[in-house]
C-alpha atoms as a PDB file:
ATOM      1  CA  MET A   1     116.403  42.798 212.418  1.00  0.00           C
ATOM      2  CA  SER A   2     115.678  40.055 209.836  1.00  0.00           C
ATOM      3  CA  ILE A   3     119.104  40.620 208.277  1.00  0.00           C
ATOM      4  CA  THR A   4     120.679  40.340 211.728  1.00  0.00           C
ATOM      5  CA  ASN A   5     118.932  37.025 212.364  1.00  0.00           C
ATOM      6  CA  GLN A   6     119.903  35.758 208.908  1.00  0.00           C
ATOM      7  CA  ILE A   7     123.553  36.622 209.601  1.00  0.00           C
ATOM      8  CA  LYS A   8     123.293  34.971 213.021  1.00  0.00           C
ATOM      9  CA  THR A   9     121.928  31.788 211.425  1.00  0.00           C
ATOM     10  CA  VAL A  10     124.779  31.716 208.885  1.00  0.00           C
ATOM     11  CA  ILE A  11     127.372  32.239 211.628  1.00  0.00           C
ATOM     12  CA  LEU A  12     125.842  29.543 213.855  1.00  0.00           C
ATOM     13  CA  LEU A  13     125.648  27.055 210.969  1.00  0.00           C
ATOM     14  CA  GLY A  14     129.267  27.914 210.179  1.00  0.00           C
ATOM     15  CA  LEU A  15     130.272  27.215 213.784  1.00  0.00           C
ATOM     16  CA  LEU A  16     128.381  23.940 213.718  1.00  0.00           C
ATOM     17  CA  THR A  17     130.141  22.924 210.492  1.00  0.00           C
ATOM     18  CA  ALA A  18     133.544  23.920 211.898  1.00  0.00           C
ATOM     19  CA  LEU A  19     132.789  21.833 214.982  1.00  0.00           C
ATOM     20  CA  LEU A  20     131.947  18.871 212.753  1.00  0.00           C
ATOM     21  CA  LEU A  21     135.231  19.200 210.831  1.00  0.00           C
ATOM     22  CA  TRP A  22     137.176  19.449 214.084  1.00  0.00           C
ATOM     23  CA  VAL A  23     135.459  16.364 215.482  1.00  0.00           C
ATOM     24  CA  GLY A  24     136.239  14.602 212.192  1.00  0.00           C
ATOM     25  CA  SER A  25     139.941  15.308 212.676  1.00  0.00           C
ATOM     26  CA  PHE A  26     139.805  13.258 215.902  1.00  0.00           C
ATOM     27  CA  TRP A  27     137.966  10.308 214.431  1.00  0.00           C
ATOM     28  CA  GLY A  28     139.300   9.986 210.899  1.00  0.00           C
ATOM     29  CA  ALA A  29     137.778  10.101 207.426  1.00  0.00           C
ATOM     30  CA  ASN A  30     136.109   6.658 207.448  1.00  0.00           C
ATOM     31  CA  GLY A  31     134.297   7.151 210.756  1.00  0.00           C
ATOM     32  CA  ILE A  32     133.025  10.637 209.939  1.00  0.00           C
ATOM     33  CA  THR A  33     131.924   9.564 206.419  1.00  0.00           C
ATOM     34  CA  PHE A  34     129.912   6.638 207.783  1.00  0.00           C
ATOM     35  CA  ALA A  35     128.340   8.813 210.475  1.00  0.00           C
ATOM     36  CA  PHE A  36     127.470  11.534 207.965  1.00  0.00           C
ATOM     37  CA  ALA A  37     125.873   9.037 205.552  1.00  0.00           C
ATOM     38  CA  PHE A  38     123.817   7.423 208.328  1.00  0.00           C
ATOM     39  CA  VAL A  39     122.571  10.682 209.864  1.00  0.00           C
ATOM     40  CA  LEU A  40     121.945  12.251 206.443  1.00  0.00           C
ATOM     41  CA  LEU A  41     119.750   9.282 205.515  1.00  0.00           C
ATOM     42  CA  MET A  42     117.742   9.492 208.742  1.00  0.00           C
ATOM     43  CA  ASN A  43     117.284  13.254 208.543  1.00  0.00           C
ATOM     44  CA  GLY A  44     116.559  13.079 204.817  1.00  0.00           C
ATOM     45  CA  LEU A  45     113.691  10.684 205.456  1.00  0.00           C
ATOM     46  CA  SER A  46     112.487  12.975 208.231  1.00  0.00           C
ATOM     47  CA  TYR A  47     112.689  16.012 205.937  1.00  0.00           C
ATOM     48  CA  PHE A  48     110.534  14.442 203.230  1.00  0.00           C
ATOM     49  CA  PHE A  49     108.014  12.714 205.475  1.00  0.00           C
ATOM     50  CA  SER A  50     108.036  14.772 208.692  1.00  0.00           C
ATOM     51  CA  ASP A  51     104.835  16.628 207.800  1.00  0.00           C
ATOM     52  CA  LYS A  52     102.828  13.402 207.550  1.00  0.00           C
ATOM     53  CA  LEU A  53     104.475  11.903 210.635  1.00  0.00           C
ATOM     54  CA  VAL A  54     104.025  14.925 212.896  1.00  0.00           C
ATOM     55  CA  LEU A  55     100.421  15.497 211.812  1.00  0.00           C
ATOM     56  CA  MET A  56      99.695  11.848 212.547  1.00  0.00           C
ATOM     57  CA  MET A  57     101.486  12.123 215.899  1.00  0.00           C
ATOM     58  CA  TYR A  58      99.191  14.972 216.953  1.00  0.00           C
ATOM     59  CA  LYS A  59      96.056  13.296 215.519  1.00  0.00           C
ATOM     60  CA  ALA A  60      95.530  16.273 213.225  1.00  0.00           C
ATOM     61  CA  LYS A  61      92.561  16.247 210.858  1.00  0.00           C
ATOM     62  CA  GLU A  62      92.332  18.445 207.773  1.00  0.00           C
ATOM     63  CA  ILE A  63      89.909  21.351 208.017  1.00  0.00           C
ATOM     64  CA  GLN A  64      87.883  21.686 204.848  1.00  0.00           C
ATOM     65  CA  LYS A  65      86.730  25.085 203.629  1.00  0.00           C
ATOM     66  CA  LYS A  66      83.101  24.186 204.285  1.00  0.00           C
ATOM     67  CA  ASP A  67      83.956  23.426 207.915  1.00  0.00           C
ATOM     68  CA  ASN A  68      85.628  26.790 208.680  1.00  0.00           C
ATOM     69  CA  ALA A  69      85.405  29.258 205.806  1.00  0.00           C
ATOM     70  CA  LYS A  70      86.574  32.171 207.987  1.00  0.00           C
ATOM     71  CA  LEU A  71      89.836  30.420 208.922  1.00  0.00           C
ATOM     72  CA  HIS A  72      90.480  29.479 205.304  1.00  0.00           C
ATOM     73  CA  LYS A  73      89.900  33.090 204.232  1.00  0.00           C
ATOM     74  CA  MET A  74      92.364  34.313 206.875  1.00  0.00           C
ATOM     75  CA  VAL A  75      95.068  31.898 205.700  1.00  0.00           C
ATOM     76  CA  GLU A  76      94.407  32.885 202.078  1.00  0.00           C
ATOM     77  CA  ASP A  77      94.848  36.572 202.934  1.00  0.00           C
ATOM     78  CA  VAL A  78      98.157  35.928 204.726  1.00  0.00           C
ATOM     79  CA  VAL A  79      99.666  33.699 202.010  1.00  0.00           C
ATOM     80  CA  LYS A  80      98.618  36.220 199.365  1.00  0.00           C
ATOM     81  CA  ALA A  81     100.560  38.906 201.242  1.00  0.00           C
ATOM     82  CA  SER A  82     103.472  36.486 201.709  1.00  0.00           C
ATOM     83  CA  GLY A  83     103.585  35.421 198.070  1.00  0.00           C
ATOM     84  CA  ILE A  84     103.542  31.661 198.679  1.00  0.00           C
ATOM     85  CA  PRO A  85     100.994  28.904 197.905  1.00  0.00           C
ATOM     86  CA  LYS A  86      98.217  28.186 200.369  1.00  0.00           C
ATOM     87  CA  PRO A  87      99.093  25.337 202.761  1.00  0.00           C
ATOM     88  CA  LYS A  88      96.698  22.663 203.916  1.00  0.00           C
ATOM     89  CA  ILE A  89      94.992  23.492 207.218  1.00  0.00           C
ATOM     90  CA  TYR A  90      94.651  21.026 210.103  1.00  0.00           C
ATOM     91  CA  LEU A  91      93.011  20.840 213.521  1.00  0.00           C
ATOM     92  CA  ILE A  92      94.759  19.250 216.522  1.00  0.00           C
ATOM     93  CA  PRO A  93      92.353  17.897 219.202  1.00  0.00           C
ATOM     94  CA  SER A  94      94.081  19.599 222.155  1.00  0.00           C
ATOM     95  CA  GLU A  95      92.809  22.214 224.559  1.00  0.00           C
ATOM     96  CA  GLN A  96      96.271  23.781 224.815  1.00  0.00           C
ATOM     97  CA  PRO A  97      96.453  26.909 222.631  1.00  0.00           C
ATOM     98  CA  ASN A  98      99.203  26.377 220.067  1.00  0.00           C
ATOM     99  CA  ALA A  99      99.977  26.063 216.352  1.00  0.00           C
ATOM    100  CA  PHE A 100     102.742  24.895 214.056  1.00  0.00           C
ATOM    101  CA  ALA A 101     103.719  24.814 210.398  1.00  0.00           C
ATOM    102  CA  THR A 102     105.452  21.915 208.705  1.00  0.00           C
ATOM    103  CA  GLY A 103     106.407  20.728 205.232  1.00  0.00           C
ATOM    104  CA  ARG A 104     109.590  20.567 203.182  1.00  0.00           C
ATOM    105  CA  SER A 105     108.757  23.542 200.938  1.00  0.00           C
ATOM    106  CA  PRO A 106     106.099  26.212 200.350  1.00  0.00           C
ATOM    107  CA  LYS A 107     104.469  23.862 197.815  1.00  0.00           C
ATOM    108  CA  HIS A 108     104.324  21.023 200.347  1.00  0.00           C
ATOM    109  CA  ALA A 109     103.317  22.818 203.528  1.00  0.00           C
ATOM    110  CA  ALA A 110     100.678  22.497 206.228  1.00  0.00           C
ATOM    111  CA  ILE A 111      99.631  24.655 209.140  1.00  0.00           C
ATOM    112  CA  ALA A 112      97.984  23.082 212.185  1.00  0.00           C
ATOM    113  CA  TYR A 113      95.977  24.806 214.919  1.00  0.00           C
ATOM    114  CA  THR A 114      94.945  23.282 218.212  1.00  0.00           C
ATOM    115  CA  LYS A 115      91.301  23.402 219.240  1.00  0.00           C
ATOM    116  CA  GLY A 116      92.397  25.555 222.168  1.00  0.00           C
ATOM    117  CA  ILE A 117      94.023  28.306 220.110  1.00  0.00           C
ATOM    118  CA  LEU A 118      90.972  28.681 217.871  1.00  0.00           C
ATOM    119  CA  GLU A 119      88.815  29.175 220.965  1.00  0.00           C
ATOM    120  CA  LEU A 120      91.184  31.448 222.901  1.00  0.00           C
ATOM    121  CA  LEU A 121      92.418  34.077 220.444  1.00  0.00           C
ATOM    122  CA  THR A 122      90.630  36.950 218.755  1.00  0.00           C
ATOM    123  CA  GLU A 123      90.518  37.027 214.973  1.00  0.00           C
ATOM    124  CA  GLU A 124      93.332  39.607 214.834  1.00  0.00           C
ATOM    125  CA  GLU A 125      95.536  37.581 217.221  1.00  0.00           C
ATOM    126  CA  LEU A 126      94.942  34.413 215.253  1.00  0.00           C
ATOM    127  CA  LYS A 127      95.937  36.242 212.082  1.00  0.00           C
ATOM    128  CA  GLY A 128      99.208  37.242 213.779  1.00  0.00           C
ATOM    129  CA  VAL A 129      99.878  33.602 214.702  1.00  0.00           C
ATOM    130  CA  THR A 130      99.044  32.530 211.155  1.00  0.00           C
ATOM    131  CA  ALA A 131     101.470  35.092 209.717  1.00  0.00           C
ATOM    132  CA  HIS A 132     104.195  33.782 212.054  1.00  0.00           C
ATOM    133  CA  GLU A 133     103.663  30.188 210.924  1.00  0.00           C
ATOM    134  CA  ILE A 134     103.449  31.110 207.244  1.00  0.00           C
ATOM    135  CA  SER A 135     106.763  32.959 207.694  1.00  0.00           C
ATOM    136  CA  HIS A 136     108.403  29.729 208.851  1.00  0.00           C
ATOM    137  CA  VAL A 137     107.314  28.180 205.567  1.00  0.00           C
ATOM    138  CA  LYS A 138     108.431  31.174 203.499  1.00  0.00           C
ATOM    139  CA  ASN A 139     111.807  31.338 205.282  1.00  0.00           C
ATOM    140  CA  ARG A 140     112.304  27.572 204.747  1.00  0.00           C
ATOM    141  CA  ASP A 141     112.959  27.002 208.419  1.00  0.00           C
ATOM    142  CA  ILE A 142     112.184  23.288 208.120  1.00  0.00           C
ATOM    143  CA  LEU A 143     115.122  22.965 205.689  1.00  0.00           C
ATOM    144  CA  ILE A 144     117.442  25.040 207.887  1.00  0.00           C
ATOM    145  CA  GLY A 145     116.430  23.047 210.949  1.00  0.00           C
ATOM    146  CA  THR A 146     117.092  19.814 209.063  1.00  0.00           C
ATOM    147  CA  ILE A 147     120.581  20.951 208.020  1.00  0.00           C
ATOM    148  CA  ALA A 148     121.403  21.913 211.605  1.00  0.00           C
ATOM    149  CA  GLY A 149     119.960  18.592 212.769  1.00  0.00           C
ATOM    150  CA  VAL A 150     122.117  16.620 210.328  1.00  0.00           C
ATOM    151  CA  ILE A 151     125.330  18.311 211.448  1.00  0.00           C
ATOM    152  CA  ALA A 152     124.503  18.084 215.164  1.00  0.00           C
ATOM    153  CA  GLY A 153     123.358  14.501 214.643  1.00  0.00           C
ATOM    154  CA  VAL A 154     126.647  13.498 213.022  1.00  0.00           C
ATOM    155  CA  ILE A 155     128.565  15.012 215.935  1.00  0.00           C
ATOM    156  CA  GLY A 156     126.336  13.180 218.404  1.00  0.00           C
ATOM    157  CA  TYR A 157     126.716   9.902 216.500  1.00  0.00           C
ATOM    158  CA  VAL A 158     130.509  10.184 216.373  1.00  0.00           C
ATOM    159  CA  ALA A 159     130.542  11.055 220.083  1.00  0.00           C
ATOM    160  CA  ALA A 160     128.566   7.891 220.826  1.00  0.00           C
ATOM    161  CA  MET A 161     131.047   5.877 218.739  1.00  0.00           C
ATOM    162  CA  ALA A 162     133.887   7.452 220.727  1.00  0.00           C
ATOM    163  CA  ARG A 163     132.279   6.481 224.039  1.00  0.00           C
ATOM    164  CA  TRP A 164     131.821   2.890 222.882  1.00  0.00           C
ATOM    165  CA  THR A 165     135.433   2.797 221.681  1.00  0.00           C
ATOM    166  CA  ALA A 166     136.611   4.094 225.047  1.00  0.00           C
ATOM    167  CA  MET A 167     134.723   1.314 226.825  1.00  0.00           C
ATOM    168  CA  PHE A 168     136.777  -1.221 224.892  1.00  0.00           C
ATOM    169  CA  GLY A 169     140.103   0.533 225.361  1.00  0.00           C
ATOM    170  CA  GLY A 170     140.147   2.596 222.188  1.00  0.00           C
ATOM    171  CA  PHE A 171     140.981   5.814 224.005  1.00  0.00           C
ATOM    172  CA  GLY A 172     143.924   5.941 226.348  1.00  0.00           C
ATOM    173  CA  GLY A 173     144.453   2.200 225.926  1.00  0.00           C
ATOM    174  CA  ARG A 174     146.558   2.470 222.803  1.00  0.00           C
ATOM    175  CA  ASP A 175     149.727   2.902 224.825  1.00  0.00           C
ATOM    176  CA  ASN A 176     150.441   3.470 228.465  1.00  0.00           C
ATOM    177  CA  ASP A 177     152.150   6.802 227.869  1.00  0.00           C
ATOM    178  CA  ASN A 178     149.063   8.414 226.347  1.00  0.00           C
ATOM    179  CA  ARG A 179     146.414   7.724 228.974  1.00  0.00           C
ATOM    180  CA  GLY A 180     146.050  11.400 229.921  1.00  0.00           C
ATOM    181  CA  GLY A 181     145.646  12.446 226.295  1.00  0.00           C
ATOM    182  CA  GLY A 182     143.167   9.624 225.659  1.00  0.00           C
ATOM    183  CA  LEU A 183     141.018  10.627 228.628  1.00  0.00           C
ATOM    184  CA  LEU A 184     141.019  14.259 227.493  1.00  0.00           C
ATOM    185  CA  GLU A 185     140.005  13.172 223.987  1.00  0.00           C
ATOM    186  CA  LEU A 186     137.111  11.174 225.431  1.00  0.00           C
ATOM    187  CA  ILE A 187     135.863  14.090 227.535  1.00  0.00           C
ATOM    188  CA  VAL A 188     136.099  16.573 224.665  1.00  0.00           C
ATOM    189  CA  LEU A 189     134.844  14.357 221.843  1.00  0.00           C
ATOM    190  CA  GLY A 190     132.414  12.120 223.699  1.00  0.00           C
ATOM    191  CA  ILE A 191     130.833  14.589 226.120  1.00  0.00           C
ATOM    192  CA  LEU A 192     131.536  18.274 225.464  1.00  0.00           C
ATOM    193  CA  MET A 193     131.236  18.370 221.660  1.00  0.00           C
ATOM    194  CA  PRO A 194     127.688  16.948 221.387  1.00  0.00           C
ATOM    195  CA  LEU A 195     126.564  19.318 224.155  1.00  0.00           C
ATOM    196  CA  ILE A 196     128.048  22.337 222.360  1.00  0.00           C
ATOM    197  CA  ALA A 197     126.534  21.165 219.054  1.00  0.00           C
ATOM    198  CA  THR A 198     123.102  20.883 220.668  1.00  0.00           C
ATOM    199  CA  LEU A 199     123.379  24.358 222.190  1.00  0.00           C
ATOM    200  CA  ILE A 200     124.290  25.824 218.774  1.00  0.00           C
ATOM    201  CA  GLN A 201     121.378  23.952 217.158  1.00  0.00           C
ATOM    202  CA  LEU A 202     118.990  25.383 219.761  1.00  0.00           C
ATOM    203  CA  ALA A 203     120.403  28.877 219.226  1.00  0.00           C
ATOM    204  CA  ILE A 204     119.601  28.533 215.509  1.00  0.00           C
ATOM    205  CA  SER A 205     116.044  27.518 216.384  1.00  0.00           C
ATOM    206  CA  ARG A 206     115.596  30.540 218.670  1.00  0.00           C
ATOM    207  CA  SER A 207     117.004  32.866 216.026  1.00  0.00           C
ATOM    208  CA  ARG A 208     114.495  31.551 213.461  1.00  0.00           C
ATOM    209  CA  GLU A 209     111.639  32.145 215.929  1.00  0.00           C
ATOM    210  CA  TYR A 210     112.599  35.807 216.252  1.00  0.00           C
ATOM    211  CA  MET A 211     112.791  36.026 212.474  1.00  0.00           C
ATOM    212  CA  ALA A 212     109.358  34.427 211.996  1.00  0.00           C
ATOM    213  CA  ASP A 213     107.887  36.866 214.530  1.00  0.00           C
ATOM    214  CA  GLU A 214     109.272  39.827 212.626  1.00  0.00           C
ATOM    215  CA  THR A 215     108.565  38.514 209.128  1.00  0.00           C
ATOM    216  CA  GLY A 216     105.004  37.640 210.072  1.00  0.00           C
ATOM    217  CA  ALA A 217     104.364  41.019 211.680  1.00  0.00           C
ATOM    218  CA  ARG A 218     105.736  42.886 208.660  1.00  0.00           C
ATOM    219  CA  THR A 219     103.680  40.738 206.293  1.00  0.00           C
ATOM    220  CA  ILE A 220     100.383  41.840 207.864  1.00  0.00           C
ATOM    221  CA  LYS A 221     101.761  45.175 209.165  1.00  0.00           C
ATOM    222  CA  ASP A 222     100.665  44.348 212.702  1.00  0.00           C
ATOM    223  CA  SER A 223     102.941  43.239 215.552  1.00  0.00           C
ATOM    224  CA  LYS A 224     100.731  44.113 218.544  1.00  0.00           C
ATOM    225  CA  HIS A 225      98.234  41.300 218.076  1.00  0.00           C
ATOM    226  CA  LEU A 226     100.934  38.642 217.710  1.00  0.00           C
ATOM    227  CA  ALA A 227     102.479  39.978 220.922  1.00  0.00           C
ATOM    228  CA  SER A 228      99.169  39.724 222.782  1.00  0.00           C
ATOM    229  CA  ALA A 229      98.587  36.249 221.310  1.00  0.00           C
ATOM    230  CA  LEU A 230     101.969  35.044 222.603  1.00  0.00           C
ATOM    231  CA  LYS A 231     101.136  36.293 226.102  1.00  0.00           C
ATOM    232  CA  LYS A 232      97.777  34.509 226.069  1.00  0.00           C
ATOM    233  CA  ILE A 233      99.317  31.287 224.731  1.00  0.00           C
ATOM    234  CA  GLU A 234     102.062  31.359 227.371  1.00  0.00           C
ATOM    235  CA  ALA A 235      99.640  31.996 230.241  1.00  0.00           C
ATOM    236  CA  ALA A 236      97.100  29.363 229.186  1.00  0.00           C
ATOM    237  CA  GLY A 237      99.762  26.788 228.328  1.00  0.00           C
ATOM    238  CA  LYS A 238     100.919  26.658 231.962  1.00  0.00           C
ATOM    239  CA  HIS A 239      97.562  25.207 232.991  1.00  0.00           C
ATOM    240  CA  LEU A 240      96.787  23.177 229.861  1.00  0.00           C
ATOM    241  CA  PRO A 241      99.650  20.735 229.206  1.00  0.00           C
ATOM    242  CA  MET A 242     100.035  19.125 225.796  1.00  0.00           C
ATOM    243  CA  ARG A 243      99.093  15.455 226.178  1.00  0.00           C
ATOM    244  CA  LEU A 244      99.845  14.492 222.588  1.00  0.00           C
ATOM    245  CA  GLY A 245     103.086  14.211 220.651  1.00  0.00           C
ATOM    246  CA  ASN A 246     106.693  14.249 221.750  1.00  0.00           C
ATOM    247  CA  PRO A 247     109.076  16.913 223.146  1.00  0.00           C
ATOM    248  CA  GLN A 248     111.335  16.281 220.119  1.00  0.00           C
ATOM    249  CA  THR A 249     108.768  18.201 218.037  1.00  0.00           C
ATOM    250  CA  ALA A 250     108.617  21.211 220.385  1.00  0.00           C
ATOM    251  CA  HIS A 251     110.582  23.400 217.957  1.00  0.00           C
ATOM    252  CA  LEU A 252     107.741  23.268 215.444  1.00  0.00           C
ATOM    253  CA  PHE A 253     105.220  25.089 217.637  1.00  0.00           C
ATOM    254  CA  ILE A 254     104.840  28.838 218.054  1.00  0.00           C
ATOM    255  CA  SER A 255     105.349  28.284 221.800  1.00  0.00           C
ATOM    256  CA  ASN A 256     106.970  25.283 223.471  1.00  0.00           C
ATOM    257  CA  PRO A 257     104.031  23.021 224.390  1.00  0.00           C
ATOM    258  CA  PHE A 258     106.113  21.115 226.930  1.00  0.00           C
ATOM    259  CA  ARG A 259     107.059  22.906 230.141  1.00  0.00           C
ATOM    260  CA  MET A 260     110.767  23.425 230.874  1.00  0.00           C
ATOM    261  CA  LYS A 261     111.952  24.761 234.241  1.00  0.00           C
ATOM    262  CA  GLY A 262     115.231  25.713 235.868  1.00  0.00           C
ATOM    263  CA  LEU A 263     118.382  24.678 234.047  1.00  0.00           C
ATOM    264  CA  LEU A 264     116.313  22.830 231.439  1.00  0.00           C
ATOM    265  CA  SER A 265     115.159  26.217 230.123  1.00  0.00           C
ATOM    266  CA  LEU A 266     118.697  26.649 228.752  1.00  0.00           C
ATOM    267  CA  MET A 267     117.830  23.842 226.333  1.00  0.00           C
ATOM    268  CA  SER A 268     114.677  25.572 225.083  1.00  0.00           C
ATOM    269  CA  THR A 269     113.947  25.693 221.372  1.00  0.00           C
ATOM    270  CA  HIS A 270     112.172  29.047 221.807  1.00  0.00           C
ATOM    271  CA  PRO A 271     113.292  32.470 223.058  1.00  0.00           C
ATOM    272  CA  PRO A 272     111.642  33.836 226.235  1.00  0.00           C
ATOM    273  CA  VAL A 273     108.121  35.084 225.496  1.00  0.00           C
ATOM    274  CA  GLU A 274     108.873  38.315 227.350  1.00  0.00           C
ATOM    275  CA  GLU A 275     111.695  39.137 224.924  1.00  0.00           C
ATOM    276  CA  ARG A 276     109.609  38.210 221.889  1.00  0.00           C
ATOM    277  CA  VAL A 277     106.768  40.450 223.084  1.00  0.00           C
ATOM    278  CA  LYS A 278     109.178  43.304 223.785  1.00  0.00           C
ATOM    279  CA  ARG A 279     110.642  43.110 220.275  1.00  0.00           C
ATOM    280  CA  LEU A 280     107.218  42.914 218.650  1.00  0.00           C
ATOM    281  CA  ASN A 281     105.862  45.870 220.610  1.00  0.00           C
ATOM    282  CA  GLY A 282     108.919  47.905 219.612  1.00  0.00           C
ATOM    283  CA  MET A 283     108.418  47.382 215.877  1.00  0.00           C
ATOM    284  CA  LYS A 284     107.575  50.314 213.602  1.00  0.00           C
ATOM    285  CA  PHE A 285     105.837  50.178 210.237  1.00  0.00           C
END
């Protein structure tokens, strides 16, 4: 299953790149180069400093070993099995049960737990969640997410440039015989392409969640407790909304902390919990 998700990620990143090149053919080399440089700079800064920014956003405080020796021991056991360095451990002052991992590499990683998740889950369930988050670090999902974000961001930036150009007659206004073609270009480049790019980016995020579920379960040779943890987190999260942070960071968490209903669920960064639980319960060791 991990190989399948890896292949899916490669294919989706390939599609995203192909979409970028196609969009570039509409706009020209100068426009796409400027957009790429701008978005790469913004995402590069985010990649190197996102851990500090997101931890600050959620008012996370580092948990010292003397404050929770049992939690530290659990993380140490999981990273030993994973073969990566121990990350720093943080506490988020929120009653909603949730957790996330962040950091640009295994050597610069952090894992954060909400107050709610530490109170809700059993020790075995919390170990399953920890293994999931450590797997994100091991699989370098922050890097993959950043790459996808750069490409999708460039497409979105170029689309915005196209819409501004259209407002001032840049599309369809070049000659009277090409108004139909100009309008079609605007619809495709300015509206449809950024939407498709976003959907592909979200599909990559969902694929990495499945992979972290599986990798984490195989690391500790236990999928049942992660499955039960996900069900508890999902049920409790409906009644305990996240009052900190920003929906733009939803992809970091083990479960989306911000509720999405109806058509908005199509834009979810996470797969349905029911499907994740089904896959976990079907795993064999």
